[in-house]
Amino acid sequence: MAQDMKKPGWLKPLAFGALLAVLGHLLTIGLIPSVIMNIAMKRIAEASGGINRLAHGNMVTPQNQQIVRSSPDLAYSTCALDLTKGPVRVFVGKGADYTSAAFYAGNTDNVFTLNDRKIGPEGAQIMVVSARSPIAAKLGEVVVSLPSDKGLLLVRRLAPSAEAFKRVQAERAQDYCRTVTDGM
């Protein structure tokens, strides 16, 4: 006489719940960085007057900080990058103090960072391209290849005082972020 071996009634709901938890976790990890980046890019593009345009932020205070956990000792410039219509050319001038230019992919990954030790006395000419459509750089130009068609540029310059911030404003007046056109 074979005994009827029934599985407990709670096993199927537990397995279904575990499956939902795993799927939810994977979707969260896959989607949240892109959602965060899309929100950041929209805000940055609005602040700069459009895509592929550099916006220079004001001196950071707790009331006006645009970047999460921004430092009051740094002056920030940002550019929302869109490479769908071609590459973007960036120029970051040499500053008197610490300067860095960090490039982020559409999923928030830091792809490339250039700091003041690597920026030459004439500044840094940078060509930003999509990994799907690389192009040749000009002599002396750094090529940054994003794995996505969209991303962000964050330029930081040391400005610990109002006097230093005024100096930085003059330094970053020459910086730019623009779509490459035939004339460039």
C-alpha atoms as a PDB file:
ATOM      1  CA  MET A   1       0.000   0.000   0.000  1.00  0.00           C
ATOM      2  CA  ALA A   2       1.618   3.193  -1.191  1.00  0.00           C
ATOM      3  CA  GLN A   3       1.214   6.108   1.036  1.00  0.00           C
ATOM      4  CA  ASP A   4       0.038   9.262  -0.680  1.00  0.00           C
ATOM      5  CA  MET A   5       2.960  11.715  -0.374  1.00  0.00           C
ATOM      6  CA  LYS A   6       1.523  15.181  -0.705  1.00  0.00           C
ATOM      7  CA  LYS A   7       3.770  18.208  -0.691  1.00  0.00           C
ATOM      8  CA  PRO A   8       2.933  20.823   1.912  1.00  0.00           C
ATOM      9  CA  GLY A   9       0.469  23.448   0.652  1.00  0.00           C
ATOM     10  CA  TRP A  10       2.823  26.326   1.405  1.00  0.00           C
ATOM     11  CA  LEU A  11       5.673  25.155  -0.860  1.00  0.00           C
ATOM     12  CA  LYS A  12       4.271  26.568  -4.131  1.00  0.00           C
ATOM     13  CA  PRO A  13       3.529  30.046  -2.730  1.00  0.00           C
ATOM     14  CA  LEU A  14       6.995  30.122  -1.135  1.00  0.00           C
ATOM     15  CA  ALA A  15       8.676  29.224  -4.452  1.00  0.00           C
ATOM     16  CA  PHE A  16       6.544  31.799  -6.289  1.00  0.00           C
ATOM     17  CA  GLY A  17       7.449  34.455  -3.700  1.00  0.00           C
ATOM     18  CA  ALA A  18      11.166  33.622  -4.026  1.00  0.00           C
ATOM     19  CA  LEU A  19      10.909  33.867  -7.812  1.00  0.00           C
ATOM     20  CA  LEU A  20       9.196  37.275  -7.548  1.00  0.00           C
ATOM     21  CA  ALA A  21      11.875  38.479  -5.111  1.00  0.00           C
ATOM     22  CA  VAL A  22      14.695  37.447  -7.471  1.00  0.00           C
ATOM     23  CA  LEU A  23      12.978  39.084 -10.470  1.00  0.00           C
ATOM     24  CA  GLY A  24      12.291  42.253  -8.474  1.00  0.00           C
ATOM     25  CA  HIS A  25      15.911  42.391  -7.360  1.00  0.00           C
ATOM     26  CA  LEU A  26      17.228  41.979 -10.922  1.00  0.00           C
ATOM     27  CA  LEU A  27      14.846  44.603 -12.307  1.00  0.00           C
ATOM     28  CA  THR A  28      15.804  47.027  -9.545  1.00  0.00           C
ATOM     29  CA  ILE A  29      19.519  46.620 -10.163  1.00  0.00           C
ATOM     30  CA  GLY A  30      19.033  46.892 -13.905  1.00  0.00           C
ATOM     31  CA  LEU A  31      16.594  49.803 -14.010  1.00  0.00           C
ATOM     32  CA  ILE A  32      17.313  52.130 -11.087  1.00  0.00           C
ATOM     33  CA  PRO A  33      20.706  53.395 -12.336  1.00  0.00           C
ATOM     34  CA  SER A  34      19.209  54.225 -15.749  1.00  0.00           C
ATOM     35  CA  VAL A  35      16.212  55.959 -14.183  1.00  0.00           C
ATOM     36  CA  ILE A  36      18.489  58.007 -11.907  1.00  0.00           C
ATOM     37  CA  MET A  37      20.694  58.961 -14.850  1.00  0.00           C
ATOM     38  CA  ASN A  38      17.712  59.969 -17.008  1.00  0.00           C
ATOM     39  CA  ILE A  39      16.434  62.264 -14.245  1.00  0.00           C
ATOM     40  CA  ALA A  40      19.901  63.785 -13.758  1.00  0.00           C
ATOM     41  CA  MET A  41      20.378  64.294 -17.498  1.00  0.00           C
ATOM     42  CA  LYS A  42      17.007  66.016 -17.832  1.00  0.00           C
ATOM     43  CA  ARG A  43      17.801  68.421 -14.982  1.00  0.00           C
ATOM     44  CA  ILE A  44      21.299  69.148 -16.285  1.00  0.00           C
ATOM     45  CA  ALA A  45      20.037  69.724 -19.842  1.00  0.00           C
ATOM     46  CA  GLU A  46      17.393  72.126 -18.510  1.00  0.00           C
ATOM     47  CA  ALA A  47      20.018  74.036 -16.486  1.00  0.00           C
ATOM     48  CA  SER A  48      22.386  74.374 -19.447  1.00  0.00           C
ATOM     49  CA  GLY A  49      19.788  75.210 -22.080  1.00  0.00           C
ATOM     50  CA  GLY A  50      19.966  71.867 -23.880  1.00  0.00           C
ATOM     51  CA  ILE A  51      21.849  68.650 -24.532  1.00  0.00           C
ATOM     52  CA  ASN A  52      25.619  68.766 -25.173  1.00  0.00           C
ATOM     53  CA  ARG A  53      25.961  72.159 -23.518  1.00  0.00           C
ATOM     54  CA  LEU A  54      28.072  72.887 -20.462  1.00  0.00           C
ATOM     55  CA  ALA A  55      26.386  74.493 -17.456  1.00  0.00           C
ATOM     56  CA  HIS A  56      28.465  76.122 -14.725  1.00  0.00           C
ATOM     57  CA  GLY A  57      26.980  75.826 -11.259  1.00  0.00           C
ATOM     58  CA  ASN A  58      26.968  78.488  -8.585  1.00  0.00           C
ATOM     59  CA  MET A  59      28.998  78.270  -5.409  1.00  0.00           C
ATOM     60  CA  VAL A  60      27.570  75.298  -3.499  1.00  0.00           C
ATOM     61  CA  THR A  61      25.423  75.893  -0.440  1.00  0.00           C
ATOM     62  CA  PRO A  62      23.081  73.452   1.333  1.00  0.00           C
ATOM     63  CA  GLN A  63      20.148  75.321  -0.244  1.00  0.00           C
ATOM     64  CA  ASN A  64      21.273  75.152  -3.882  1.00  0.00           C
ATOM     65  CA  GLN A  65      23.212  71.900  -4.285  1.00  0.00           C
ATOM     66  CA  GLN A  66      22.292  70.155  -7.528  1.00  0.00           C
ATOM     67  CA  ILE A  67      24.654  67.190  -7.216  1.00  0.00           C
ATOM     68  CA  VAL A  68      24.101  64.611  -4.494  1.00  0.00           C
ATOM     69  CA  ARG A  69      26.594  65.052  -1.661  1.00  0.00           C
ATOM     70  CA  SER A  70      28.317  67.950  -3.405  1.00  0.00           C
ATOM     71  CA  SER A  71      31.310  69.555  -1.729  1.00  0.00           C
ATOM     72  CA  PRO A  72      31.157  73.251  -0.824  1.00  0.00           C
ATOM     73  CA  ASP A  73      34.885  73.459  -1.736  1.00  0.00           C
ATOM     74  CA  LEU A  74      34.286  72.613  -5.392  1.00  0.00           C
ATOM     75  CA  ALA A  75      32.818  74.483  -8.350  1.00  0.00           C
ATOM     76  CA  TYR A  76      30.834  72.131 -10.591  1.00  0.00           C
ATOM     77  CA  SER A  77      30.150  72.250 -14.314  1.00  0.00           C
ATOM     78  CA  THR A  78      27.943  69.632 -15.969  1.00  0.00           C
ATOM     79  CA  CYS A  79      26.986  68.504 -19.458  1.00  0.00           C
ATOM     80  CA  ALA A  80      24.272  66.018 -20.425  1.00  0.00           C
ATOM     81  CA  LEU A  81      25.822  64.035 -23.290  1.00  0.00           C
ATOM     82  CA  ASP A  82      23.766  62.692 -26.191  1.00  0.00           C
ATOM     83  CA  LEU A  83      25.813  60.890 -28.849  1.00  0.00           C
ATOM     84  CA  THR A  84      22.887  59.715 -30.984  1.00  0.00           C
ATOM     85  CA  LYS A  85      23.638  62.383 -33.622  1.00  0.00           C
ATOM     86  CA  GLY A  86      27.403  61.991 -33.450  1.00  0.00           C
ATOM     87  CA  PRO A  87      30.376  62.705 -31.219  1.00  0.00           C
ATOM     88  CA  VAL A  88      30.753  65.555 -28.764  1.00  0.00           C
ATOM     89  CA  ARG A  89      33.855  67.694 -28.355  1.00  0.00           C
ATOM     90  CA  VAL A  90      34.806  68.863 -24.860  1.00  0.00           C
ATOM     91  CA  PHE A  91      37.474  71.316 -23.737  1.00  0.00           C
ATOM     92  CA  VAL A  92      38.598  71.618 -20.121  1.00  0.00           C
ATOM     93  CA  GLY A  93      41.152  74.324 -19.433  1.00  0.00           C
ATOM     94  CA  LYS A  94      44.080  73.991 -17.054  1.00  0.00           C
ATOM     95  CA  GLY A  95      43.193  75.461 -13.690  1.00  0.00           C
ATOM     96  CA  ALA A  96      45.401  76.947 -10.990  1.00  0.00           C
ATOM     97  CA  ASP A  97      44.318  74.202  -8.570  1.00  0.00           C
ATOM     98  CA  TYR A  98      42.612  70.823  -8.597  1.00  0.00           C
ATOM     99  CA  THR A  99      40.494  70.182 -11.681  1.00  0.00           C
ATOM    100  CA  SER A 100      38.881  66.955 -12.869  1.00  0.00           C
ATOM    101  CA  ALA A 101      36.593  65.907 -15.701  1.00  0.00           C
ATOM    102  CA  ALA A 102      34.634  62.685 -15.105  1.00  0.00           C
ATOM    103  CA  PHE A 103      32.555  60.950 -17.769  1.00  0.00           C
ATOM    104  CA  TYR A 104      29.641  58.694 -16.810  1.00  0.00           C
ATOM    105  CA  ALA A 105      27.721  56.202 -18.953  1.00  0.00           C
ATOM    106  CA  GLY A 106      23.926  56.023 -19.075  1.00  0.00           C
ATOM    107  CA  ASN A 107      23.896  53.462 -16.238  1.00  0.00           C
ATOM    108  CA  THR A 108      25.906  55.767 -13.863  1.00  0.00           C
ATOM    109  CA  ASP A 109      29.220  53.900 -14.369  1.00  0.00           C
ATOM    110  CA  ASN A 110      32.281  56.158 -14.308  1.00  0.00           C
ATOM    111  CA  VAL A 111      33.923  55.502 -17.684  1.00  0.00           C
ATOM    112  CA  PHE A 112      36.859  57.931 -17.672  1.00  0.00           C
ATOM    113  CA  THR A 113      38.332  60.615 -15.431  1.00  0.00           C
ATOM    114  CA  LEU A 114      40.989  63.161 -16.264  1.00  0.00           C
ATOM    115  CA  ASN A 115      42.525  65.294 -13.501  1.00  0.00           C
ATOM    116  CA  ASP A 116      44.725  68.376 -13.340  1.00  0.00           C
ATOM    117  CA  ARG A 117      47.887  66.254 -13.391  1.00  0.00           C
ATOM    118  CA  LYS A 118      46.958  64.964 -16.846  1.00  0.00           C
ATOM    119  CA  ILE A 119      45.520  68.208 -18.244  1.00  0.00           C
ATOM    120  CA  GLY A 120      48.283  69.943 -20.159  1.00  0.00           C
ATOM    121  CA  PRO A 121      49.118  73.642 -19.882  1.00  0.00           C
ATOM    122  CA  GLU A 122      46.906  74.350 -22.917  1.00  0.00           C
ATOM    123  CA  GLY A 123      44.014  72.382 -21.440  1.00  0.00           C
ATOM    124  CA  ALA A 124      42.495  69.073 -22.529  1.00  0.00           C
ATOM    125  CA  GLN A 125      40.796  68.515 -25.881  1.00  0.00           C
ATOM    126  CA  ILE A 126      38.444  65.556 -25.515  1.00  0.00           C
ATOM    127  CA  MET A 127      36.329  63.773 -28.136  1.00  0.00           C
ATOM    128  CA  VAL A 128      33.426  61.796 -26.665  1.00  0.00           C
ATOM    129  CA  VAL A 129      32.130  59.008 -28.880  1.00  0.00           C
ATOM    130  CA  SER A 130      29.716  56.123 -28.625  1.00  0.00           C
ATOM    131  CA  ALA A 131      31.387  52.721 -28.511  1.00  0.00           C
ATOM    132  CA  ARG A 132      29.220  51.829 -31.524  1.00  0.00           C
ATOM    133  CA  SER A 133      30.555  54.644 -33.689  1.00  0.00           C
ATOM    134  CA  PRO A 134      34.170  55.418 -32.876  1.00  0.00           C
ATOM    135  CA  ILE A 135      36.002  58.065 -34.881  1.00  0.00           C
ATOM    136  CA  ALA A 136      39.607  59.111 -35.188  1.00  0.00           C
ATOM    137  CA  ALA A 137      40.787  61.873 -32.876  1.00  0.00           C
ATOM    138  CA  LYS A 138      42.808  64.924 -33.758  1.00  0.00           C
ATOM    139  CA  LEU A 139      46.441  64.993 -32.722  1.00  0.00           C
ATOM    140  CA  GLY A 140      46.636  65.574 -28.957  1.00  0.00           C
ATOM    141  CA  GLU A 141      42.944  64.891 -28.435  1.00  0.00           C
ATOM    142  CA  VAL A 142      41.816  62.378 -25.811  1.00  0.00           C
ATOM    143  CA  VAL A 143      39.066  59.994 -26.956  1.00  0.00           C
ATOM    144  CA  VAL A 144      36.458  58.896 -24.435  1.00  0.00           C
ATOM    145  CA  SER A 145      34.273  56.039 -25.629  1.00  0.00           C
ATOM    146  CA  LEU A 146      30.971  55.681 -23.790  1.00  0.00           C
ATOM    147  CA  PRO A 147      29.315  52.245 -23.845  1.00  0.00           C
ATOM    148  CA  SER A 148      25.973  54.034 -24.179  1.00  0.00           C
ATOM    149  CA  ASP A 149      24.639  56.807 -26.422  1.00  0.00           C
ATOM    150  CA  LYS A 150      23.896  59.012 -23.416  1.00  0.00           C
ATOM    151  CA  GLY A 151      25.904  60.014 -20.400  1.00  0.00           C
ATOM    152  CA  LEU A 152      27.150  62.853 -18.239  1.00  0.00           C
ATOM    153  CA  LEU A 153      30.235  64.984 -17.895  1.00  0.00           C
ATOM    154  CA  LEU A 154      31.055  66.386 -14.460  1.00  0.00           C
ATOM    155  CA  VAL A 155      33.873  68.950 -14.189  1.00  0.00           C
ATOM    156  CA  ARG A 156      35.072  69.847 -10.709  1.00  0.00           C
ATOM    157  CA  ARG A 157      37.397  72.710  -9.809  1.00  0.00           C
ATOM    158  CA  LEU A 158      38.718  73.564  -6.360  1.00  0.00           C
ATOM    159  CA  ALA A 159      37.039  76.745  -5.066  1.00  0.00           C
ATOM    160  CA  PRO A 160      37.124  76.803  -1.242  1.00  0.00           C
ATOM    161  CA  SER A 161      36.380  80.539  -0.916  1.00  0.00           C
ATOM    162  CA  ALA A 162      34.438  83.292  -2.673  1.00  0.00           C
ATOM    163  CA  GLU A 163      37.739  84.676  -3.997  1.00  0.00           C
ATOM    164  CA  ALA A 164      38.777  81.268  -5.364  1.00  0.00           C
ATOM    165  CA  PHE A 165      35.314  80.815  -6.891  1.00  0.00           C
ATOM    166  CA  LYS A 166      35.740  84.091  -8.836  1.00  0.00           C
ATOM    167  CA  ARG A 167      39.087  82.833 -10.175  1.00  0.00           C
ATOM    168  CA  VAL A 168      37.483  79.516 -11.146  1.00  0.00           C
ATOM    169  CA  GLN A 169      34.676  81.336 -12.976  1.00  0.00           C
ATOM    170  CA  ALA A 170      37.284  82.957 -15.213  1.00  0.00           C
ATOM    171  CA  GLU A 171      39.064  79.617 -15.734  1.00  0.00           C
ATOM    172  CA  ARG A 172      35.969  77.716 -16.714  1.00  0.00           C
ATOM    173  CA  ALA A 173      34.679  80.429 -19.047  1.00  0.00           C
ATOM    174  CA  GLN A 174      36.793  78.801 -21.780  1.00  0.00           C
ATOM    175  CA  ASP A 175      35.468  75.266 -21.116  1.00  0.00           C
ATOM    176  CA  TYR A 176      32.864  73.830 -23.479  1.00  0.00           C
ATOM    177  CA  CYS A 177      30.846  70.764 -24.447  1.00  0.00           C
ATOM    178  CA  ARG A 178      29.421  70.759 -27.998  1.00  0.00           C
ATOM    179  CA  THR A 179      28.162  68.486 -30.703  1.00  0.00           C
ATOM    180  CA  VAL A 180      30.782  68.001 -33.414  1.00  0.00           C
ATOM    181  CA  THR A 181      29.863  69.761 -36.622  1.00  0.00           C
ATOM    182  CA  ASP A 182      31.666  70.108 -39.938  1.00  0.00           C
ATOM    183  CA  GLY A 183      33.229  73.392 -38.831  1.00  0.00           C
ATOM    184  CA  MET A 184      34.729  72.006 -35.641  1.00  0.00           C
END
